[in-house]
Amino acid sequence: MPYCVNCGAQIAEGVRFCSSCGNPVAQAATGSTPVPPPTAQVPPAGQTPYAPLPTSEAAAGIGQAKMLVLAAGGIYVLATVLALTLGNMLAILTALIAVGVIFGLGYMPLSKGQIQEARNGITIAAGLALAYLLINLFTGEFLAGVINSLAAVALGLARNQIK
C-alpha cells in the first residue's frame, strides 16, 4: 500500500488525494516503506517560540520597582495634603496630575506585566517630576522642589530596577 510523501499516512488504492493532508496521490510514493511525517519546525539556536519566564532576579527587580513607584505616588499624595493645608491650588493640581501619571502609566502596566510600557510610563513620570522641580525652583517654592526631587529619584530608581 502506498504512503503519502507529504504526511506519511497510508493511501488507499484508487484515491486521488491523501485523506489525511489532501496532498495529490500523483505525488505519493508507491513503495511499502512509510515516509515519516514532517517534524515540527524548531526555531534557530538562541530563539524561543515563547517569551521566557522572568528569572527570580528580574522578578525581584519588578517587585522593587513597584515599591518605588508606589513610594513616588505616596510622595505626591503627601504633597497634595501639604498643598491643601497651604491653599495652593496649582500645587494641588500638579500633585494630582503626577499621581495619575505615576499610577496610570507606571504602576498599572507594571502590575499587568507590560514591562516596556511601564518603563516608558515611569520615564514620563520622572520627567514630569523633574519639570515640576524646575518650576518650583524658579518660583521659589523650595519645599515643593524637594518633594519633586524625591519623587524623581524614586521614579529613576524604579525605572532602573526593570530589566
N, C-alpha and C. Protein backbone atom coordinates (compact mmCIF):
# COMPACT_ATOMS: atom_id res chain seq x y z
N MET A 1 0.85 -1.18 0.00
CA MET A 1 0.00 0.00 0.00
C MET A 1 0.90 1.24 0.00
N PRO A 2 0.59 2.25 -0.82
CA PRO A 2 1.44 3.45 -0.89
C PRO A 2 1.23 4.36 0.33
N TYR A 3 2.22 5.20 0.51
CA TYR A 3 2.21 6.18 1.60
C TYR A 3 2.35 7.58 1.02
N CYS A 4 1.75 8.55 1.69
CA CYS A 4 1.83 9.94 1.25
C CYS A 4 3.24 10.48 1.51
N VAL A 5 3.80 11.15 0.52
CA VAL A 5 5.13 11.73 0.70
C VAL A 5 5.10 12.99 1.55
N ASN A 6 3.93 13.56 1.73
CA ASN A 6 3.81 14.80 2.50
C ASN A 6 3.67 14.52 3.98
N CYS A 7 2.76 13.58 4.36
CA CYS A 7 2.49 13.37 5.78
C CYS A 7 2.82 11.96 6.25
N GLY A 8 3.06 11.01 5.34
CA GLY A 8 3.41 9.65 5.72
C GLY A 8 2.22 8.75 5.98
N ALA A 9 1.00 9.22 5.79
CA ALA A 9 -0.19 8.41 6.03
C ALA A 9 -0.37 7.39 4.90
N GLN A 10 -1.00 6.24 5.22
CA GLN A 10 -1.29 5.25 4.19
C GLN A 10 -2.37 5.78 3.26
N ILE A 11 -2.22 5.46 1.97
CA ILE A 11 -3.19 5.91 0.97
C ILE A 11 -3.88 4.68 0.40
N ALA A 12 -5.20 4.71 0.42
CA ALA A 12 -5.98 3.60 -0.14
C ALA A 12 -5.83 3.58 -1.66
N GLU A 13 -5.96 2.38 -2.25
CA GLU A 13 -5.85 2.23 -3.70
C GLU A 13 -6.99 2.96 -4.39
N GLY A 14 -6.69 3.64 -5.48
CA GLY A 14 -7.70 4.27 -6.32
C GLY A 14 -8.12 5.67 -5.91
N VAL A 15 -7.55 6.25 -4.84
CA VAL A 15 -7.92 7.61 -4.45
C VAL A 15 -6.95 8.58 -5.09
N ARG A 16 -7.41 9.80 -5.31
CA ARG A 16 -6.59 10.81 -5.97
C ARG A 16 -5.89 11.75 -4.99
N PHE A 17 -6.41 11.79 -3.75
CA PHE A 17 -5.83 12.69 -2.75
C PHE A 17 -5.66 11.95 -1.43
N CYS A 18 -4.66 12.36 -0.68
CA CYS A 18 -4.43 11.79 0.66
C CYS A 18 -5.58 12.20 1.56
N SER A 19 -6.14 11.24 2.30
CA SER A 19 -7.27 11.56 3.18
C SER A 19 -6.82 12.28 4.44
N SER A 20 -5.52 12.27 4.72
CA SER A 20 -5.01 12.91 5.91
C SER A 20 -4.65 14.38 5.69
N CYS A 21 -3.89 14.64 4.59
CA CYS A 21 -3.42 16.02 4.38
C CYS A 21 -3.91 16.64 3.09
N GLY A 22 -4.53 15.86 2.21
CA GLY A 22 -5.05 16.41 0.96
C GLY A 22 -4.04 16.51 -0.16
N ASN A 23 -2.85 15.99 0.04
CA ASN A 23 -1.82 16.01 -0.99
C ASN A 23 -2.26 15.13 -2.18
N PRO A 24 -2.05 15.58 -3.42
CA PRO A 24 -2.43 14.73 -4.56
C PRO A 24 -1.67 13.41 -4.54
N VAL A 25 -2.38 12.31 -4.89
CA VAL A 25 -1.79 10.98 -4.88
C VAL A 25 -0.73 10.85 -5.95
N ALA A 26 -0.80 11.62 -6.99
CA ALA A 26 0.20 11.55 -8.06
C ALA A 26 1.59 11.80 -7.50
N GLN A 27 1.65 12.54 -6.39
CA GLN A 27 2.94 12.81 -5.77
C GLN A 27 3.26 11.80 -4.67
N ALA A 28 2.34 10.84 -4.45
CA ALA A 28 2.54 9.88 -3.37
C ALA A 28 3.55 8.83 -3.77
N ALA A 29 4.28 8.37 -2.81
CA ALA A 29 5.25 7.30 -3.06
C ALA A 29 4.50 5.99 -3.23
N THR A 30 5.03 5.11 -4.01
CA THR A 30 4.36 3.83 -4.24
C THR A 30 5.06 2.71 -3.50
N GLY A 31 6.08 2.99 -2.77
CA GLY A 31 6.79 1.95 -2.03
C GLY A 31 6.03 1.51 -0.80
N SER A 32 6.52 0.47 -0.17
CA SER A 32 5.83 -0.03 1.01
C SER A 32 6.42 0.53 2.30
N THR A 33 7.50 1.25 2.20
CA THR A 33 8.10 1.84 3.39
C THR A 33 7.44 3.19 3.67
N PRO A 34 6.88 3.35 4.88
CA PRO A 34 6.24 4.63 5.17
C PRO A 34 7.25 5.76 5.26
N VAL A 35 6.85 6.92 4.79
CA VAL A 35 7.65 8.13 4.90
C VAL A 35 7.30 8.77 6.23
N PRO A 36 8.28 9.07 7.05
CA PRO A 36 7.93 9.67 8.35
C PRO A 36 7.28 11.03 8.17
N PRO A 37 6.31 11.32 9.04
CA PRO A 37 5.66 12.63 8.93
C PRO A 37 6.67 13.73 9.22
N PRO A 38 6.42 14.91 8.68
CA PRO A 38 7.36 16.02 8.91
C PRO A 38 7.41 16.37 10.38
N THR A 39 8.59 16.80 10.82
CA THR A 39 8.76 17.19 12.21
C THR A 39 8.38 18.65 12.38
N ALA A 40 8.09 19.00 13.61
CA ALA A 40 7.76 20.40 13.91
C ALA A 40 9.00 21.24 13.67
N GLN A 41 8.78 22.44 13.19
CA GLN A 41 9.91 23.31 12.91
C GLN A 41 10.46 23.84 14.23
N VAL A 42 11.75 23.75 14.36
CA VAL A 42 12.44 24.19 15.57
C VAL A 42 13.03 25.56 15.28
N PRO A 43 12.83 26.52 16.19
CA PRO A 43 13.41 27.85 15.96
C PRO A 43 14.93 27.78 15.96
N PRO A 44 15.57 28.74 15.30
CA PRO A 44 17.04 28.76 15.28
C PRO A 44 17.62 28.85 16.69
N ALA A 45 18.85 28.45 16.81
CA ALA A 45 19.52 28.45 18.11
C ALA A 45 19.47 29.84 18.73
N GLY A 46 19.17 29.86 20.01
CA GLY A 46 19.11 31.12 20.72
C GLY A 46 17.75 31.79 20.70
N GLN A 47 16.81 31.27 19.92
CA GLN A 47 15.46 31.85 19.87
C GLN A 47 14.48 30.86 20.46
N THR A 48 13.47 31.39 21.12
CA THR A 48 12.42 30.54 21.67
C THR A 48 11.10 30.93 21.06
N PRO A 49 10.17 29.97 20.91
CA PRO A 49 8.88 30.31 20.32
C PRO A 49 7.95 31.03 21.29
N TYR A 50 8.39 31.25 22.50
CA TYR A 50 7.57 31.91 23.51
C TYR A 50 8.43 32.89 24.29
N ALA A 51 7.78 33.75 25.00
CA ALA A 51 8.53 34.71 25.82
C ALA A 51 9.07 33.98 27.04
N PRO A 52 10.32 34.15 27.38
CA PRO A 52 10.88 33.46 28.54
C PRO A 52 10.25 33.98 29.83
N LEU A 53 10.11 33.08 30.77
CA LEU A 53 9.59 33.48 32.07
C LEU A 53 10.64 34.32 32.78
N PRO A 54 10.20 35.32 33.55
CA PRO A 54 11.19 36.15 34.23
C PRO A 54 11.96 35.34 35.26
N THR A 55 13.23 35.62 35.36
CA THR A 55 14.05 34.96 36.37
C THR A 55 13.72 35.55 37.73
N SER A 56 14.21 34.89 38.75
CA SER A 56 13.91 35.40 40.09
C SER A 56 14.53 36.77 40.30
N GLU A 57 15.69 37.02 39.65
CA GLU A 57 16.32 38.34 39.75
C GLU A 57 15.47 39.41 39.07
N ALA A 58 14.94 39.09 37.88
CA ALA A 58 14.09 40.04 37.18
C ALA A 58 12.80 40.27 37.95
N ALA A 59 12.24 39.20 38.51
CA ALA A 59 11.00 39.34 39.29
C ALA A 59 11.25 40.19 40.53
N ALA A 60 12.40 40.02 41.15
CA ALA A 60 12.73 40.85 42.32
C ALA A 60 12.87 42.31 41.91
N GLY A 61 13.47 42.55 40.74
CA GLY A 61 13.59 43.92 40.25
C GLY A 61 12.25 44.56 39.99
N ILE A 62 11.30 43.78 39.46
CA ILE A 62 9.96 44.30 39.21
C ILE A 62 9.27 44.60 40.53
N GLY A 63 9.46 43.72 41.51
CA GLY A 63 8.86 43.97 42.83
C GLY A 63 9.41 45.24 43.47
N GLN A 64 10.72 45.44 43.36
CA GLN A 64 11.33 46.65 43.90
C GLN A 64 10.86 47.88 43.13
N ALA A 65 10.70 47.74 41.82
CA ALA A 65 10.22 48.86 41.01
C ALA A 65 8.81 49.25 41.43
N LYS A 66 7.96 48.25 41.68
CA LYS A 66 6.59 48.55 42.13
C LYS A 66 6.60 49.34 43.43
N MET A 67 7.47 48.92 44.37
CA MET A 67 7.53 49.62 45.65
C MET A 67 8.02 51.06 45.47
N LEU A 68 8.99 51.26 44.59
CA LEU A 68 9.50 52.62 44.36
C LEU A 68 8.47 53.50 43.66
N VAL A 69 7.72 52.90 42.73
CA VAL A 69 6.66 53.67 42.05
C VAL A 69 5.57 54.05 43.05
N LEU A 70 5.21 53.10 43.92
CA LEU A 70 4.22 53.42 44.96
C LEU A 70 4.76 54.48 45.92
N ALA A 71 6.05 54.42 46.23
CA ALA A 71 6.64 55.45 47.11
C ALA A 71 6.57 56.82 46.45
N ALA A 72 6.85 56.88 45.15
CA ALA A 72 6.76 58.16 44.44
C ALA A 72 5.32 58.67 44.44
N GLY A 73 4.38 57.76 44.22
CA GLY A 73 2.96 58.16 44.28
C GLY A 73 2.59 58.64 45.67
N GLY A 74 3.12 57.97 46.69
CA GLY A 74 2.86 58.39 48.07
C GLY A 74 3.44 59.76 48.38
N ILE A 75 4.60 60.04 47.82
CA ILE A 75 5.20 61.36 48.00
C ILE A 75 4.27 62.44 47.45
N TYR A 76 3.68 62.17 46.28
CA TYR A 76 2.78 63.16 45.69
C TYR A 76 1.45 63.24 46.43
N VAL A 77 1.01 62.16 47.04
CA VAL A 77 -0.20 62.22 47.87
C VAL A 77 0.07 63.11 49.07
N LEU A 78 1.24 62.94 49.68
CA LEU A 78 1.61 63.83 50.80
C LEU A 78 1.75 65.28 50.33
N ALA A 79 2.28 65.46 49.13
CA ALA A 79 2.40 66.82 48.58
C ALA A 79 1.02 67.43 48.37
N THR A 80 0.04 66.62 47.98
CA THR A 80 -1.33 67.10 47.81
C THR A 80 -1.90 67.56 49.14
N VAL A 81 -1.68 66.77 50.18
CA VAL A 81 -2.18 67.14 51.52
C VAL A 81 -1.51 68.43 51.99
N LEU A 82 -0.21 68.53 51.76
CA LEU A 82 0.51 69.75 52.15
C LEU A 82 -0.02 70.96 51.37
N ALA A 83 -0.27 70.78 50.09
CA ALA A 83 -0.78 71.88 49.27
C ALA A 83 -2.19 72.27 49.71
N LEU A 84 -2.98 71.29 50.14
CA LEU A 84 -4.33 71.60 50.65
C LEU A 84 -4.24 72.47 51.90
N THR A 85 -3.31 72.15 52.78
CA THR A 85 -3.20 72.94 54.01
C THR A 85 -2.70 74.36 53.73
N LEU A 86 -1.89 74.51 52.69
CA LEU A 86 -1.38 75.83 52.33
C LEU A 86 -2.32 76.59 51.41
N GLY A 87 -3.28 75.89 50.83
CA GLY A 87 -4.24 76.53 49.94
C GLY A 87 -3.68 76.84 48.56
N ASN A 88 -2.66 76.15 48.13
CA ASN A 88 -2.03 76.39 46.83
C ASN A 88 -2.70 75.49 45.79
N MET A 89 -3.60 76.06 45.01
CA MET A 89 -4.38 75.27 44.05
C MET A 89 -3.51 74.71 42.92
N LEU A 90 -2.51 75.46 42.49
CA LEU A 90 -1.63 74.97 41.42
C LEU A 90 -0.84 73.75 41.90
N ALA A 91 -0.37 73.77 43.13
CA ALA A 91 0.37 72.64 43.68
C ALA A 91 -0.54 71.43 43.84
N ILE A 92 -1.79 71.66 44.22
CA ILE A 92 -2.76 70.56 44.34
C ILE A 92 -2.96 69.92 42.97
N LEU A 93 -3.17 70.74 41.97
CA LEU A 93 -3.41 70.24 40.62
C LEU A 93 -2.21 69.47 40.07
N THR A 94 -1.01 70.02 40.25
CA THR A 94 0.17 69.33 39.72
C THR A 94 0.43 68.02 40.45
N ALA A 95 0.21 67.99 41.74
CA ALA A 95 0.41 66.75 42.50
C ALA A 95 -0.60 65.69 42.09
N LEU A 96 -1.85 66.09 41.88
CA LEU A 96 -2.86 65.12 41.45
C LEU A 96 -2.57 64.59 40.03
N ILE A 97 -2.09 65.46 39.16
CA ILE A 97 -1.70 65.02 37.81
C ILE A 97 -0.55 64.02 37.92
N ALA A 98 0.42 64.32 38.77
CA ALA A 98 1.56 63.42 38.94
C ALA A 98 1.13 62.06 39.47
N VAL A 99 0.21 62.04 40.44
CA VAL A 99 -0.29 60.76 40.97
C VAL A 99 -0.97 59.97 39.86
N GLY A 100 -1.77 60.63 39.04
CA GLY A 100 -2.46 59.95 37.94
C GLY A 100 -1.49 59.39 36.92
N VAL A 101 -0.46 60.16 36.58
CA VAL A 101 0.54 59.70 35.61
C VAL A 101 1.33 58.53 36.17
N ILE A 102 1.74 58.63 37.41
CA ILE A 102 2.51 57.56 38.04
C ILE A 102 1.69 56.28 38.09
N PHE A 103 0.45 56.38 38.53
CA PHE A 103 -0.38 55.19 38.67
C PHE A 103 -0.78 54.64 37.31
N GLY A 104 -1.25 55.52 36.41
CA GLY A 104 -1.77 55.06 35.12
C GLY A 104 -0.71 54.60 34.14
N LEU A 105 0.42 55.30 34.09
CA LEU A 105 1.45 54.96 33.11
C LEU A 105 2.58 54.11 33.68
N GLY A 106 2.72 54.08 35.00
CA GLY A 106 3.82 53.33 35.60
C GLY A 106 3.38 52.09 36.34
N TYR A 107 2.54 52.27 37.35
CA TYR A 107 2.19 51.14 38.21
C TYR A 107 1.27 50.14 37.53
N MET A 108 0.24 50.61 36.85
CA MET A 108 -0.71 49.67 36.23
C MET A 108 -0.05 48.78 35.17
N PRO A 109 0.73 49.31 34.22
CA PRO A 109 1.38 48.41 33.27
C PRO A 109 2.35 47.45 33.96
N LEU A 110 3.03 47.91 35.01
CA LEU A 110 3.95 47.05 35.74
C LEU A 110 3.19 45.91 36.40
N SER A 111 2.01 46.19 36.93
CA SER A 111 1.20 45.16 37.56
C SER A 111 0.68 44.14 36.55
N LYS A 112 0.47 44.59 35.33
CA LYS A 112 -0.04 43.69 34.28
C LYS A 112 1.08 42.96 33.54
N GLY A 113 2.33 43.22 33.90
CA GLY A 113 3.45 42.56 33.24
C GLY A 113 3.86 43.22 31.93
N GLN A 114 3.34 44.40 31.65
CA GLN A 114 3.70 45.12 30.43
C GLN A 114 4.95 45.95 30.73
N ILE A 115 6.08 45.28 30.64
CA ILE A 115 7.34 45.84 31.13
C ILE A 115 7.77 47.07 30.33
N GLN A 116 7.77 46.98 29.01
CA GLN A 116 8.22 48.11 28.20
C GLN A 116 7.31 49.33 28.39
N GLU A 117 6.00 49.09 28.46
CA GLU A 117 5.07 50.20 28.68
C GLU A 117 5.31 50.83 30.05
N ALA A 118 5.60 49.99 31.05
CA ALA A 118 5.88 50.50 32.39
C ALA A 118 7.15 51.34 32.40
N ARG A 119 8.19 50.86 31.71
CA ARG A 119 9.43 51.64 31.64
C ARG A 119 9.19 52.99 31.00
N ASN A 120 8.43 53.00 29.91
CA ASN A 120 8.12 54.27 29.24
C ASN A 120 7.31 55.19 30.15
N GLY A 121 6.31 54.63 30.81
CA GLY A 121 5.46 55.42 31.69
C GLY A 121 6.22 55.99 32.88
N ILE A 122 7.11 55.19 33.45
CA ILE A 122 7.91 55.66 34.58
C ILE A 122 8.87 56.75 34.13
N THR A 123 9.40 56.61 32.92
CA THR A 123 10.28 57.65 32.38
C THR A 123 9.51 58.96 32.21
N ILE A 124 8.29 58.88 31.69
CA ILE A 124 7.45 60.07 31.54
C ILE A 124 7.17 60.70 32.90
N ALA A 125 6.82 59.87 33.88
CA ALA A 125 6.52 60.39 35.22
C ALA A 125 7.75 61.04 35.85
N ALA A 126 8.92 60.45 35.65
CA ALA A 126 10.15 61.04 36.20
C ALA A 126 10.44 62.38 35.51
N GLY A 127 10.23 62.45 34.22
CA GLY A 127 10.40 63.71 33.50
C GLY A 127 9.45 64.78 33.99
N LEU A 128 8.21 64.36 34.28
CA LEU A 128 7.23 65.29 34.83
C LEU A 128 7.67 65.80 36.20
N ALA A 129 8.19 64.91 37.02
CA ALA A 129 8.67 65.31 38.35
C ALA A 129 9.83 66.30 38.23
N LEU A 130 10.72 66.06 37.27
CA LEU A 130 11.84 66.99 37.07
C LEU A 130 11.36 68.34 36.54
N ALA A 131 10.35 68.31 35.67
CA ALA A 131 9.79 69.58 35.17
C ALA A 131 9.15 70.36 36.31
N TYR A 132 8.42 69.66 37.19
CA TYR A 132 7.82 70.33 38.35
C TYR A 132 8.92 70.88 39.26
N LEU A 133 10.03 70.14 39.39
CA LEU A 133 11.14 70.60 40.22
C LEU A 133 11.69 71.93 39.68
N LEU A 134 11.88 72.01 38.37
CA LEU A 134 12.38 73.26 37.78
C LEU A 134 11.41 74.41 37.99
N ILE A 135 10.13 74.14 37.83
CA ILE A 135 9.11 75.19 38.06
C ILE A 135 9.18 75.66 39.50
N ASN A 136 9.31 74.70 40.45
CA ASN A 136 9.38 75.06 41.86
C ASN A 136 10.62 75.89 42.17
N LEU A 137 11.73 75.56 41.56
CA LEU A 137 12.95 76.32 41.81
C LEU A 137 12.84 77.74 41.27
N PHE A 138 12.22 77.90 40.11
CA PHE A 138 12.07 79.23 39.53
C PHE A 138 11.06 80.08 40.29
N THR A 139 10.06 79.45 40.90
CA THR A 139 9.06 80.21 41.65
C THR A 139 9.42 80.37 43.12
N GLY A 140 10.53 79.77 43.54
CA GLY A 140 10.97 79.93 44.92
C GLY A 140 10.30 78.99 45.90
N GLU A 141 9.59 77.99 45.45
CA GLU A 141 8.93 77.02 46.34
C GLU A 141 9.89 75.85 46.58
N PHE A 142 10.80 76.04 47.52
CA PHE A 142 11.86 75.06 47.71
C PHE A 142 11.38 73.77 48.35
N LEU A 143 10.38 73.84 49.23
CA LEU A 143 9.84 72.61 49.83
C LEU A 143 9.20 71.73 48.76
N ALA A 144 8.45 72.35 47.87
CA ALA A 144 7.86 71.60 46.77
C ALA A 144 8.94 71.04 45.85
N GLY A 145 10.03 71.78 45.68
CA GLY A 145 11.15 71.30 44.87
C GLY A 145 11.79 70.06 45.47
N VAL A 146 11.92 70.07 46.79
CA VAL A 146 12.49 68.90 47.48
C VAL A 146 11.57 67.69 47.29
N ILE A 147 10.27 67.92 47.42
CA ILE A 147 9.31 66.82 47.23
C ILE A 147 9.39 66.27 45.81
N ASN A 148 9.45 67.15 44.82
CA ASN A 148 9.54 66.70 43.43
C ASN A 148 10.85 65.98 43.16
N SER A 149 11.94 66.45 43.77
CA SER A 149 13.22 65.77 43.54
C SER A 149 13.22 64.38 44.17
N LEU A 150 12.59 64.22 45.34
CA LEU A 150 12.47 62.89 45.95
C LEU A 150 11.65 61.95 45.06
N ALA A 151 10.57 62.46 44.52
CA ALA A 151 9.74 61.65 43.64
C ALA A 151 10.51 61.28 42.36
N ALA A 152 11.26 62.22 41.82
CA ALA A 152 12.04 61.95 40.60
C ALA A 152 13.11 60.90 40.86
N VAL A 153 13.76 60.96 42.02
CA VAL A 153 14.77 59.96 42.37
C VAL A 153 14.13 58.59 42.51
N ALA A 154 13.00 58.51 43.20
CA ALA A 154 12.30 57.23 43.37
C ALA A 154 11.89 56.65 42.01
N LEU A 155 11.40 57.50 41.12
CA LEU A 155 10.99 57.02 39.80
C LEU A 155 12.20 56.60 38.96
N GLY A 156 13.29 57.33 39.06
CA GLY A 156 14.50 56.94 38.34
C GLY A 156 15.03 55.60 38.83
N LEU A 157 15.03 55.40 40.13
CA LEU A 157 15.46 54.12 40.69
C LEU A 157 14.52 52.99 40.26
N ALA A 158 13.22 53.29 40.22
CA ALA A 158 12.25 52.28 39.79
C ALA A 158 12.50 51.87 38.35
N ARG A 159 12.75 52.83 37.50
CA ARG A 159 12.98 52.52 36.09
C ARG A 159 14.24 51.67 35.92
N ASN A 160 15.26 51.95 36.71
CA ASN A 160 16.50 51.18 36.61
C ASN A 160 16.36 49.77 37.16
N GLN A 161 15.36 49.52 37.98
CA GLN A 161 15.14 48.17 38.52
C GLN A 161 14.51 47.23 37.49
N ILE A 162 13.84 47.80 36.49
CA ILE A 162 13.15 46.98 35.49
C ILE A 162 14.16 46.56 34.43
N LYS A 163 14.33 45.29 34.27
CA LYS A 163 15.29 44.78 33.28
C LYS A 163 14.62 44.53 31.96
